[in-house]
Amino acid sequence: MATVYILYSEKINQYYIGSCLDLQSRLITHLSKENTNAFTRKSEDWVVFFEINELEYEPARKIEQHLKRMKSRVYLNNLVKYPEISLKLIEKYSSGSSR
């Protein structure tokens, strides 16, 4: 099962949005700075800000792209404040609809 996640770095005051099949392994990769071209290389204090678990891979990728298109800190913060937003995203992108 896949996870959509948002990381936050207080040091650079930035968010990173991604999806993966194993969040713990992926977080280790981000923190180790293995990929020299990765955005997350800019900081070493990334923490998991938000996650949606137990998704099929395709819906996870679609939700990731949706979150990236929003380009809104308010929207990302609202995901934490209002869990129903996540439920609507899961429903929208798991139903086969790509509206």
PDB file of N, CA and C in Angstrom:
ATOM      1  N   MET A   1       0.839  -1.176   0.000  1.00  0.00           N
ATOM      2  CA  MET A   1       0.000   0.000   0.000  1.00  0.00           C
ATOM      3  C   MET A   1       0.890   1.248   0.000  1.00  0.00           C
ATOM      4  N   ALA A   2       0.369   2.314  -0.563  1.00  0.00           N
ATOM      5  CA  ALA A   2       1.139   3.541  -0.731  1.00  0.00           C
ATOM      6  C   ALA A   2       0.729   4.607   0.291  1.00  0.00           C
ATOM      7  N   THR A   3       1.595   5.582   0.434  1.00  0.00           N
ATOM      8  CA  THR A   3       1.375   6.709   1.341  1.00  0.00           C
ATOM      9  C   THR A   3       1.644   8.004   0.601  1.00  0.00           C
ATOM     10  N   VAL A   4       0.793   8.985   0.817  1.00  0.00           N
ATOM     11  CA  VAL A   4       1.056  10.355   0.390  1.00  0.00           C
ATOM     12  C   VAL A   4       1.522  11.072   1.644  1.00  0.00           C
ATOM     13  N   TYR A   5       2.596  11.840   1.524  1.00  0.00           N
ATOM     14  CA  TYR A   5       3.129  12.488   2.715  1.00  0.00           C
ATOM     15  C   TYR A   5       3.560  13.920   2.421  1.00  0.00           C
ATOM     16  N   ILE A   6       3.568  14.709   3.485  1.00  0.00           N
ATOM     17  CA  ILE A   6       4.077  16.071   3.416  1.00  0.00           C
ATOM     18  C   ILE A   6       5.128  16.184   4.512  1.00  0.00           C
ATOM     19  N   LEU A   7       6.318  16.596   4.105  1.00  0.00           N
ATOM     20  CA  LEU A   7       7.388  16.849   5.065  1.00  0.00           C
ATOM     21  C   LEU A   7       7.485  18.349   5.281  1.00  0.00           C
ATOM     22  N   TYR A   8       7.976  18.738   6.451  1.00  0.00           N
ATOM     23  CA  TYR A   8       8.174  20.158   6.732  1.00  0.00           C
ATOM     24  C   TYR A   8       9.554  20.354   7.339  1.00  0.00           C
ATOM     25  N   SER A   9      10.227  21.408   6.900  1.00  0.00           N
ATOM     26  CA  SER A   9      11.510  21.802   7.462  1.00  0.00           C
ATOM     27  C   SER A   9      11.352  23.171   8.101  1.00  0.00           C
ATOM     28  N   GLU A  10      11.545  23.228   9.390  1.00  0.00           N
ATOM     29  CA  GLU A  10      11.480  24.522  10.082  1.00  0.00           C
ATOM     30  C   GLU A  10      12.660  25.403   9.670  1.00  0.00           C
ATOM     31  N   LYS A  11      13.814  24.793   9.471  1.00  0.00           N
ATOM     32  CA  LYS A  11      15.030  25.532   9.113  1.00  0.00           C
ATOM     33  C   LYS A  11      14.832  26.390   7.860  1.00  0.00           C
ATOM     34  N   ILE A  12      14.235  25.814   6.830  1.00  0.00           N
ATOM     35  CA  ILE A  12      14.033  26.575   5.583  1.00  0.00           C
ATOM     36  C   ILE A  12      12.574  26.980   5.386  1.00  0.00           C
ATOM     37  N   ASN A  13      11.719  26.620   6.350  1.00  0.00           N
ATOM     38  CA  ASN A  13      10.296  26.967   6.311  1.00  0.00           C
ATOM     39  C   ASN A  13       9.660  26.555   4.982  1.00  0.00           C
ATOM     40  N   GLN A  14       9.865  25.285   4.625  1.00  0.00           N
ATOM     41  CA  GLN A  14       9.367  24.752   3.366  1.00  0.00           C
ATOM     42  C   GLN A  14       8.683  23.411   3.594  1.00  0.00           C
ATOM     43  N   TYR A  15       7.780  23.100   2.683  1.00  0.00           N
ATOM     44  CA  TYR A  15       7.113  21.799   2.660  1.00  0.00           C
ATOM     45  C   TYR A  15       7.622  21.009   1.469  1.00  0.00           C
ATOM     46  N   TYR A  16       7.558  19.691   1.594  1.00  0.00           N
ATOM     47  CA  TYR A  16       7.865  18.789   0.490  1.00  0.00           C
ATOM     48  C   TYR A  16       6.733  17.780   0.423  1.00  0.00           C
ATOM     49  N   ILE A  17       6.187  17.583  -0.755  1.00  0.00           N
ATOM     50  CA  ILE A  17       5.070  16.651  -0.952  1.00  0.00           C
ATOM     51  C   ILE A  17       5.556  15.471  -1.777  1.00  0.00           C
ATOM     52  N   GLY A  18       5.223  14.267  -1.333  1.00  0.00           N
ATOM     53  CA  GLY A  18       5.633  13.085  -2.070  1.00  0.00           C
ATOM     54  C   GLY A  18       4.685  11.921  -1.834  1.00  0.00           C
ATOM     55  N   SER A  19       4.966  10.817  -2.518  1.00  0.00           N
ATOM     56  CA  SER A  19       4.235   9.573  -2.300  1.00  0.00           C
ATOM     57  C   SER A  19       5.223   8.429  -2.454  1.00  0.00           C
ATOM     58  N   CYS A  20       4.946   7.337  -1.777  1.00  0.00           N
ATOM     59  CA  CYS A  20       5.862   6.203  -1.823  1.00  0.00           C
ATOM     60  C   CYS A  20       5.154   4.946  -1.318  1.00  0.00           C
ATOM     61  N   LEU A  21       5.840   3.837  -1.419  1.00  0.00           N
ATOM     62  CA  LEU A  21       5.297   2.577  -0.926  1.00  0.00           C
ATOM     63  C   LEU A  21       5.750   2.276   0.500  1.00  0.00           C
ATOM     64  N   ASP A  22       6.868   2.881   0.944  1.00  0.00           N
ATOM     65  CA  ASP A  22       7.392   2.639   2.288  1.00  0.00           C
ATOM     66  C   ASP A  22       7.885   3.966   2.860  1.00  0.00           C
ATOM     67  N   LEU A  23       7.060   4.622   3.657  1.00  0.00           N
ATOM     68  CA  LEU A  23       7.372   5.962   4.151  1.00  0.00           C
ATOM     69  C   LEU A  23       8.630   5.987   5.014  1.00  0.00           C
ATOM     70  N   GLN A  24       8.810   5.012   5.875  1.00  0.00           N
ATOM     71  CA  GLN A  24       9.992   5.022   6.747  1.00  0.00           C
ATOM     72  C   GLN A  24      11.291   4.964   5.936  1.00  0.00           C
ATOM     73  N   SER A  25      11.340   4.096   4.941  1.00  0.00           N
ATOM     74  CA  SER A  25      12.531   4.014   4.081  1.00  0.00           C
ATOM     75  C   SER A  25      12.723   5.295   3.289  1.00  0.00           C
ATOM     76  N   ARG A  26      11.637   5.832   2.799  1.00  0.00           N
ATOM     77  CA  ARG A  26      11.719   7.064   2.004  1.00  0.00           C
ATOM     78  C   ARG A  26      12.206   8.229   2.855  1.00  0.00           C
ATOM     79  N   LEU A  27      11.737   8.319   4.091  1.00  0.00           N
ATOM     80  CA  LEU A  27      12.169   9.383   4.987  1.00  0.00           C
ATOM     81  C   LEU A  27      13.669   9.273   5.275  1.00  0.00           C
ATOM     82  N   ILE A  28      14.141   8.067   5.469  1.00  0.00           N
ATOM     83  CA  ILE A  28      15.578   7.852   5.680  1.00  0.00           C
ATOM     84  C   ILE A  28      16.359   8.340   4.462  1.00  0.00           C
ATOM     85  N   THR A  29      15.847   8.050   3.267  1.00  0.00           N
ATOM     86  CA  THR A  29      16.501   8.507   2.035  1.00  0.00           C
ATOM     87  C   THR A  29      16.548  10.034   1.985  1.00  0.00           C
ATOM     88  N   HIS A  30      15.435  10.681   2.329  1.00  0.00           N
ATOM     89  CA  HIS A  30      15.409  12.142   2.338  1.00  0.00           C
ATOM     90  C   HIS A  30      16.429  12.698   3.328  1.00  0.00           C
ATOM     91  N   LEU A  31      16.459  12.155   4.518  1.00  0.00           N
ATOM     92  CA  LEU A  31      17.322  12.682   5.572  1.00  0.00           C
ATOM     93  C   LEU A  31      18.806  12.390   5.328  1.00  0.00           C
ATOM     94  N   SER A  32      19.096  11.320   4.612  1.00  0.00           N
ATOM     95  CA  SER A  32      20.491  10.961   4.349  1.00  0.00           C
ATOM     96  C   SER A  32      21.096  11.750   3.197  1.00  0.00           C
ATOM     97  N   LYS A  33      20.267  12.468   2.466  1.00  0.00           N
ATOM     98  CA  LYS A  33      20.708  13.297   1.332  1.00  0.00           C
ATOM     99  C   LYS A  33      21.408  12.457   0.248  1.00  0.00           C
ATOM    100  N   GLU A  34      20.926  11.231   0.053  1.00  0.00           N
ATOM    101  CA  GLU A  34      21.509  10.336  -0.933  1.00  0.00           C
ATOM    102  C   GLU A  34      21.422  10.893  -2.351  1.00  0.00           C
ATOM    103  N   ASN A  35      20.302  11.518  -2.671  1.00  0.00           N
ATOM    104  CA  ASN A  35      20.108  12.063  -4.012  1.00  0.00           C
ATOM    105  C   ASN A  35      20.631  13.496  -4.038  1.00  0.00           C
ATOM    106  N   THR A  36      21.709  13.722  -4.758  1.00  0.00           N
ATOM    107  CA  THR A  36      22.360  15.035  -4.759  1.00  0.00           C
ATOM    108  C   THR A  36      21.519  16.127  -5.401  1.00  0.00           C
ATOM    109  N   ASN A  37      20.521  15.777  -6.202  1.00  0.00           N
ATOM    110  CA  ASN A  37      19.676  16.771  -6.856  1.00  0.00           C
ATOM    111  C   ASN A  37      18.328  16.968  -6.159  1.00  0.00           C
ATOM    112  N   ALA A  38      18.109  16.288  -5.062  1.00  0.00           N
ATOM    113  CA  ALA A  38      16.809  16.313  -4.402  1.00  0.00           C
ATOM    114  C   ALA A  38      16.558  17.636  -3.687  1.00  0.00           C
ATOM    115  N   PHE A  39      15.319  18.083  -3.741  1.00  0.00           N
ATOM    116  CA  PHE A  39      14.901  19.290  -3.026  1.00  0.00           C
ATOM    117  C   PHE A  39      15.158  19.149  -1.530  1.00  0.00           C
ATOM    118  N   THR A  40      14.932  17.961  -0.984  1.00  0.00           N
ATOM    119  CA  THR A  40      15.066  17.756   0.457  1.00  0.00           C
ATOM    120  C   THR A  40      16.512  17.824   0.931  1.00  0.00           C
ATOM    121  N   ARG A  41      17.443  17.888   0.030  1.00  0.00           N
ATOM    122  CA  ARG A  41      18.868  18.027   0.390  1.00  0.00           C
ATOM    123  C   ARG A  41      19.135  19.399   1.015  1.00  0.00           C
ATOM    124  N   LYS A  42      18.228  20.348   0.816  1.00  0.00           N
ATOM    125  CA  LYS A  42      18.415  21.715   1.320  1.00  0.00           C
ATOM    126  C   LYS A  42      18.398  21.805   2.842  1.00  0.00           C
ATOM    127  N   SER A  43      17.889  20.777   3.508  1.00  0.00           N
ATOM    128  CA  SER A  43      17.788  20.819   4.961  1.00  0.00           C
ATOM    129  C   SER A  43      17.925  19.416   5.528  1.00  0.00           C
ATOM    130  N   GLU A  44      18.184  19.347   6.824  1.00  0.00           N
ATOM    131  CA  GLU A  44      18.310  18.049   7.482  1.00  0.00           C
ATOM    132  C   GLU A  44      17.291  17.860   8.604  1.00  0.00           C
ATOM    133  N   ASP A  45      16.366  18.804   8.729  1.00  0.00           N
ATOM    134  CA  ASP A  45      15.407  18.710   9.832  1.00  0.00           C
ATOM    135  C   ASP A  45      13.984  18.366   9.375  1.00  0.00           C
ATOM    136  N   TRP A  46      13.858  17.621   8.277  1.00  0.00           N
ATOM    137  CA  TRP A  46      12.536  17.264   7.763  1.00  0.00           C
ATOM    138  C   TRP A  46      11.792  16.380   8.754  1.00  0.00           C
ATOM    139  N   VAL A  47      10.529  16.724   8.983  1.00  0.00           N
ATOM    140  CA  VAL A  47       9.655  15.894   9.820  1.00  0.00           C
ATOM    141  C   VAL A  47       8.362  15.646   9.047  1.00  0.00           C
ATOM    142  N   VAL A  48       7.720  14.547   9.346  1.00  0.00           N
ATOM    143  CA  VAL A  48       6.447  14.237   8.691  1.00  0.00           C
ATOM    144  C   VAL A  48       5.391  15.180   9.267  1.00  0.00           C
ATOM    145  N   PHE A  49       4.828  16.006   8.399  1.00  0.00           N
ATOM    146  CA  PHE A  49       3.819  16.978   8.768  1.00  0.00           C
ATOM    147  C   PHE A  49       2.419  16.378   8.631  1.00  0.00           C
ATOM    148  N   PHE A  50       2.262  15.536   7.598  1.00  0.00           N
ATOM    149  CA  PHE A  50       0.950  14.974   7.277  1.00  0.00           C
ATOM    150  C   PHE A  50       1.142  13.726   6.435  1.00  0.00           C
ATOM    151  N   GLU A  51       0.238  12.772   6.580  1.00  0.00           N
ATOM    152  CA  GLU A  51       0.295  11.579   5.732  1.00  0.00           C
ATOM    153  C   GLU A  51      -1.087  10.974   5.558  1.00  0.00           C
ATOM    154  N   ILE A  52      -1.277  10.376   4.399  1.00  0.00           N
ATOM    155  CA  ILE A  52      -2.467   9.568   4.122  1.00  0.00           C
ATOM    156  C   ILE A  52      -1.936   8.188   3.768  1.00  0.00           C
ATOM    157  N   ASN A  53      -2.332   7.195   4.538  1.00  0.00           N
ATOM    158  CA  ASN A  53      -1.818   5.833   4.383  1.00  0.00           C
ATOM    159  C   ASN A  53      -2.840   4.901   3.747  1.00  0.00           C
ATOM    160  N   GLU A  54      -2.359   3.709   3.438  1.00  0.00           N
ATOM    161  CA  GLU A  54      -3.210   2.616   2.964  1.00  0.00           C
ATOM    162  C   GLU A  54      -3.928   2.928   1.656  1.00  0.00           C
ATOM    163  N   LEU A  55      -3.201   3.544   0.734  1.00  0.00           N
ATOM    164  CA  LEU A  55      -3.760   3.861  -0.580  1.00  0.00           C
ATOM    165  C   LEU A  55      -3.198   2.923  -1.631  1.00  0.00           C
ATOM    166  N   GLU A  56      -3.951   2.704  -2.677  1.00  0.00           N
ATOM    167  CA  GLU A  56      -3.397   2.038  -3.847  1.00  0.00           C
ATOM    168  C   GLU A  56      -2.402   3.019  -4.480  1.00  0.00           C
ATOM    169  N   TYR A  57      -1.463   2.507  -5.258  1.00  0.00           N
ATOM    170  CA  TYR A  57      -0.381   3.351  -5.783  1.00  0.00           C
ATOM    171  C   TYR A  57      -0.895   4.484  -6.686  1.00  0.00           C
ATOM    172  N   GLU A  58      -1.759   4.191  -7.622  1.00  0.00           N
ATOM    173  CA  GLU A  58      -2.239   5.222  -8.569  1.00  0.00           C
ATOM    174  C   GLU A  58      -3.000   6.353  -7.872  1.00  0.00           C
ATOM    175  N   PRO A  59      -3.951   6.046  -6.995  1.00  0.00           N
ATOM    176  CA  PRO A  59      -4.610   7.140  -6.278  1.00  0.00           C
ATOM    177  C   PRO A  59      -3.622   7.973  -5.444  1.00  0.00           C
ATOM    178  N   ALA A  60      -2.619   7.328  -4.868  1.00  0.00           N
ATOM    179  CA  ALA A  60      -1.616   8.057  -4.086  1.00  0.00           C
ATOM    180  C   ALA A  60      -0.885   9.061  -4.967  1.00  0.00           C
ATOM    181  N   ARG A  61      -0.507   8.637  -6.164  1.00  0.00           N
ATOM    182  CA  ARG A  61       0.191   9.536  -7.094  1.00  0.00           C
ATOM    183  C   ARG A  61      -0.715  10.692  -7.516  1.00  0.00           C
ATOM    184  N   LYS A  62      -1.987  10.395  -7.735  1.00  0.00           N
ATOM    185  CA  LYS A  62      -2.928  11.451  -8.136  1.00  0.00           C
ATOM    186  C   LYS A  62      -3.144  12.459  -7.013  1.00  0.00           C
ATOM    187  N   ILE A  63      -3.244  11.979  -5.785  1.00  0.00           N
ATOM    188  CA  ILE A  63      -3.407  12.886  -4.646  1.00  0.00           C
ATOM    189  C   ILE A  63      -2.137  13.726  -4.477  1.00  0.00           C
ATOM    190  N   GLU A  64      -0.981  13.109  -4.635  1.00  0.00           N
ATOM    191  CA  GLU A  64       0.285  13.865  -4.569  1.00  0.00           C
ATOM    192  C   GLU A  64       0.280  15.004  -5.593  1.00  0.00           C
ATOM    193  N   GLN A  65      -0.078  14.702  -6.821  1.00  0.00           N
ATOM    194  CA  GLN A  65      -0.104  15.726  -7.866  1.00  0.00           C
ATOM    195  C   GLN A  65      -1.132  16.809  -7.558  1.00  0.00           C
ATOM    196  N   HIS A  66      -2.286  16.417  -7.018  1.00  0.00           N
ATOM    197  CA  HIS A  66      -3.305  17.381  -6.625  1.00  0.00           C
ATOM    198  C   HIS A  66      -2.743  18.357  -5.593  1.00  0.00           C
ATOM    199  N   LEU A  67      -2.079  17.823  -4.561  1.00  0.00           N
ATOM    200  CA  LEU A  67      -1.523  18.674  -3.509  1.00  0.00           C
ATOM    201  C   LEU A  67      -0.459  19.616  -4.061  1.00  0.00           C
ATOM    202  N   LYS A  68       0.364  19.122  -4.969  1.00  0.00           N
ATOM    203  CA  LYS A  68       1.399  19.968  -5.568  1.00  0.00           C
ATOM    204  C   LYS A  68       0.791  21.080  -6.413  1.00  0.00           C
ATOM    205  N   ARG A  69      -0.285  20.775  -7.123  1.00  0.00           N
ATOM    206  CA  ARG A  69      -0.942  21.797  -7.952  1.00  0.00           C
ATOM    207  C   ARG A  69      -1.569  22.904  -7.113  1.00  0.00           C
ATOM    208  N   MET A  70      -1.973  22.589  -5.897  1.00  0.00           N
ATOM    209  CA  MET A  70      -2.631  23.576  -5.049  1.00  0.00           C
ATOM    210  C   MET A  70      -1.697  24.730  -4.692  1.00  0.00           C
ATOM    211  N   LYS A  71      -0.423  24.442  -4.494  1.00  0.00           N
ATOM    212  CA  LYS A  71       0.582  25.463  -4.168  1.00  0.00           C
ATOM    213  C   LYS A  71       0.094  26.416  -3.085  1.00  0.00           C
ATOM    214  N   SER A  72      -0.429  25.862  -2.004  1.00  0.00           N
ATOM    215  CA  SER A  72      -1.016  26.692  -0.958  1.00  0.00           C
ATOM    216  C   SER A  72      -0.675  26.149   0.424  1.00  0.00           C
ATOM    217  N   ARG A  73       0.019  26.945   1.222  1.00  0.00           N
ATOM    218  CA  ARG A  73       0.315  26.574   2.604  1.00  0.00           C
ATOM    219  C   ARG A  73      -0.980  26.448   3.407  1.00  0.00           C
ATOM    220  N   VAL A  74      -1.916  27.332   3.131  1.00  0.00           N
ATOM    221  CA  VAL A  74      -3.198  27.295   3.838  1.00  0.00           C
ATOM    222  C   VAL A  74      -3.878  25.948   3.589  1.00  0.00           C
ATOM    223  N   TYR A  75      -3.878  25.515   2.337  1.00  0.00           N
ATOM    224  CA  TYR A  75      -4.496  24.227   1.998  1.00  0.00           C
ATOM    225  C   TYR A  75      -3.792  23.087   2.734  1.00  0.00           C
ATOM    226  N   LEU A  76      -2.468  23.095   2.754  1.00  0.00           N
ATOM    227  CA  LEU A  76      -1.720  22.037   3.439  1.00  0.00           C
ATOM    228  C   LEU A  76      -2.023  22.038   4.935  1.00  0.00           C
ATOM    229  N   ASN A  77      -2.092  23.209   5.528  1.00  0.00           N
ATOM    230  CA  ASN A  77      -2.436  23.298   6.951  1.00  0.00           C
ATOM    231  C   ASN A  77      -3.869  22.837   7.204  1.00  0.00           C
ATOM    232  N   ASN A  78      -4.752  23.140   6.263  1.00  0.00           N
ATOM    233  CA  ASN A  78      -6.147  22.710   6.411  1.00  0.00           C
ATOM    234  C   ASN A  78      -6.302  21.195   6.333  1.00  0.00           C
ATOM    235  N   LEU A  79      -5.401  20.522   5.650  1.00  0.00           N
ATOM    236  CA  LEU A  79      -5.442  19.055   5.618  1.00  0.00           C
ATOM    237  C   LEU A  79      -5.331  18.491   7.027  1.00  0.00           C
ATOM    238  N   VAL A  80      -4.516  19.125   7.836  1.00  0.00           N
ATOM    239  CA  VAL A  80      -4.342  18.678   9.218  1.00  0.00           C
ATOM    240  C   VAL A  80      -5.544  19.086  10.060  1.00  0.00           C
ATOM    241  N   LYS A  81      -6.017  20.304   9.861  1.00  0.00           N
ATOM    242  CA  LYS A  81      -7.136  20.827  10.651  1.00  0.00           C
ATOM    243  C   LYS A  81      -8.457  20.133  10.355  1.00  0.00           C
ATOM    244  N   TYR A  82      -8.673  19.808   9.092  1.00  0.00           N
ATOM    245  CA  TYR A  82      -9.960  19.277   8.649  1.00  0.00           C
ATOM    246  C   TYR A  82      -9.780  17.921   7.957  1.00  0.00           C
ATOM    247  N   PRO A  83      -9.842  16.827   8.709  1.00  0.00           N
ATOM    248  CA  PRO A  83      -9.633  15.489   8.148  1.00  0.00           C
ATOM    249  C   PRO A  83     -10.583  15.142   7.000  1.00  0.00           C
ATOM    250  N   GLU A  84     -11.723  15.793   6.937  1.00  0.00           N
ATOM    251  CA  GLU A  84     -12.675  15.491   5.863  1.00  0.00           C
ATOM    252  C   GLU A  84     -12.112  15.840   4.482  1.00  0.00           C
ATOM    253  N   ILE A  85     -11.166  16.750   4.422  1.00  0.00           N
ATOM    254  CA  ILE A  85     -10.537  17.073   3.129  1.00  0.00           C
ATOM    255  C   ILE A  85      -9.827  15.839   2.594  1.00  0.00           C
ATOM    256  N   SER A  86      -9.092  15.168   3.466  1.00  0.00           N
ATOM    257  CA  SER A  86      -8.388  13.945   3.054  1.00  0.00           C
ATOM    258  C   SER A  86      -9.362  12.877   2.587  1.00  0.00           C
ATOM    259  N   LEU A  87     -10.445  12.736   3.310  1.00  0.00           N
ATOM    260  CA  LEU A  87     -11.446  11.734   2.930  1.00  0.00           C
ATOM    261  C   LEU A  87     -12.015  12.025   1.550  1.00  0.00           C
ATOM    262  N   LYS A  88     -12.267  13.291   1.259  1.00  0.00           N
ATOM    263  CA  LYS A  88     -12.782  13.664  -0.060  1.00  0.00           C
ATOM    264  C   LYS A  88     -11.759  13.391  -1.155  1.00  0.00           C
ATOM    265  N   LEU A  89     -10.475  13.647  -0.868  1.00  0.00           N
ATOM    266  CA  LEU A  89      -9.430  13.363  -1.850  1.00  0.00           C
ATOM    267  C   LEU A  89      -9.344  11.866  -2.129  1.00  0.00           C
ATOM    268  N   ILE A  90      -9.397  11.076  -1.079  1.00  0.00           N
ATOM    269  CA  ILE A  90      -9.348   9.621  -1.239  1.00  0.00           C
ATOM    270  C   ILE A  90     -10.529   9.153  -2.076  1.00  0.00           C
ATOM    271  N   GLU A  91     -11.698   9.658  -1.762  1.00  0.00           N
ATOM    272  CA  GLU A  91     -12.901   9.278  -2.509  1.00  0.00           C
ATOM    273  C   GLU A  91     -12.784   9.690  -3.979  1.00  0.00           C
ATOM    274  N   LYS A  92     -12.353  10.912  -4.203  1.00  0.00           N
ATOM    275  CA  LYS A  92     -12.253  11.429  -5.576  1.00  0.00           C
ATOM    276  C   LYS A  92     -11.262  10.633  -6.423  1.00  0.00           C
ATOM    277  N   TYR A  93     -10.091  10.377  -5.889  1.00  0.00           N
ATOM    278  CA  TYR A  93      -9.044   9.751  -6.693  1.00  0.00           C
ATOM    279  C   TYR A  93      -9.022   8.229  -6.622  1.00  0.00           C
ATOM    280  N   SER A  94      -9.769   7.646  -5.720  1.00  0.00           N
ATOM    281  CA  SER A  94      -9.840   6.185  -5.661  1.00  0.00           C
ATOM    282  C   SER A  94     -10.989   5.638  -6.495  1.00  0.00           C
ATOM    283  N   SER A  95     -11.903   6.501  -6.887  1.00  0.00           N
ATOM    284  CA  SER A  95     -13.086   6.058  -7.619  1.00  0.00           C
ATOM    285  C   SER A  95     -12.839   5.892  -9.104  1.00  0.00           C
ATOM    286  N   GLY A  96     -11.611   6.178  -9.529  1.00  0.00           N
ATOM    287  CA  GLY A  96     -11.333   6.082 -10.964  1.00  0.00           C
ATOM    288  C   GLY A  96     -11.592   7.389 -11.687  1.00  0.00           C
ATOM    289  N   SER A  97     -12.181   8.340 -10.999  1.00  0.00           N
ATOM    290  CA  SER A  97     -12.441   9.651 -11.590  1.00  0.00           C
ATOM    291  C   SER A  97     -11.174  10.493 -11.503  1.00  0.00           C
ATOM    292  N   SER A  98     -10.864  11.237 -12.544  1.00  0.00           N
ATOM    293  CA  SER A  98      -9.669  12.098 -12.520  1.00  0.00           C
ATOM    294  C   SER A  98     -10.057  13.540 -12.766  1.00  0.00           C
ATOM    295  N   ARG A  99     -11.188  13.927 -12.231  1.00  0.00           N
ATOM    296  CA  ARG A  99     -11.682  15.298 -12.399  1.00  0.00           C
ATOM    297  C   ARG A  99     -10.683  16.331 -12.001  1.00  0.00           C
TER     298      ARG A  99
END
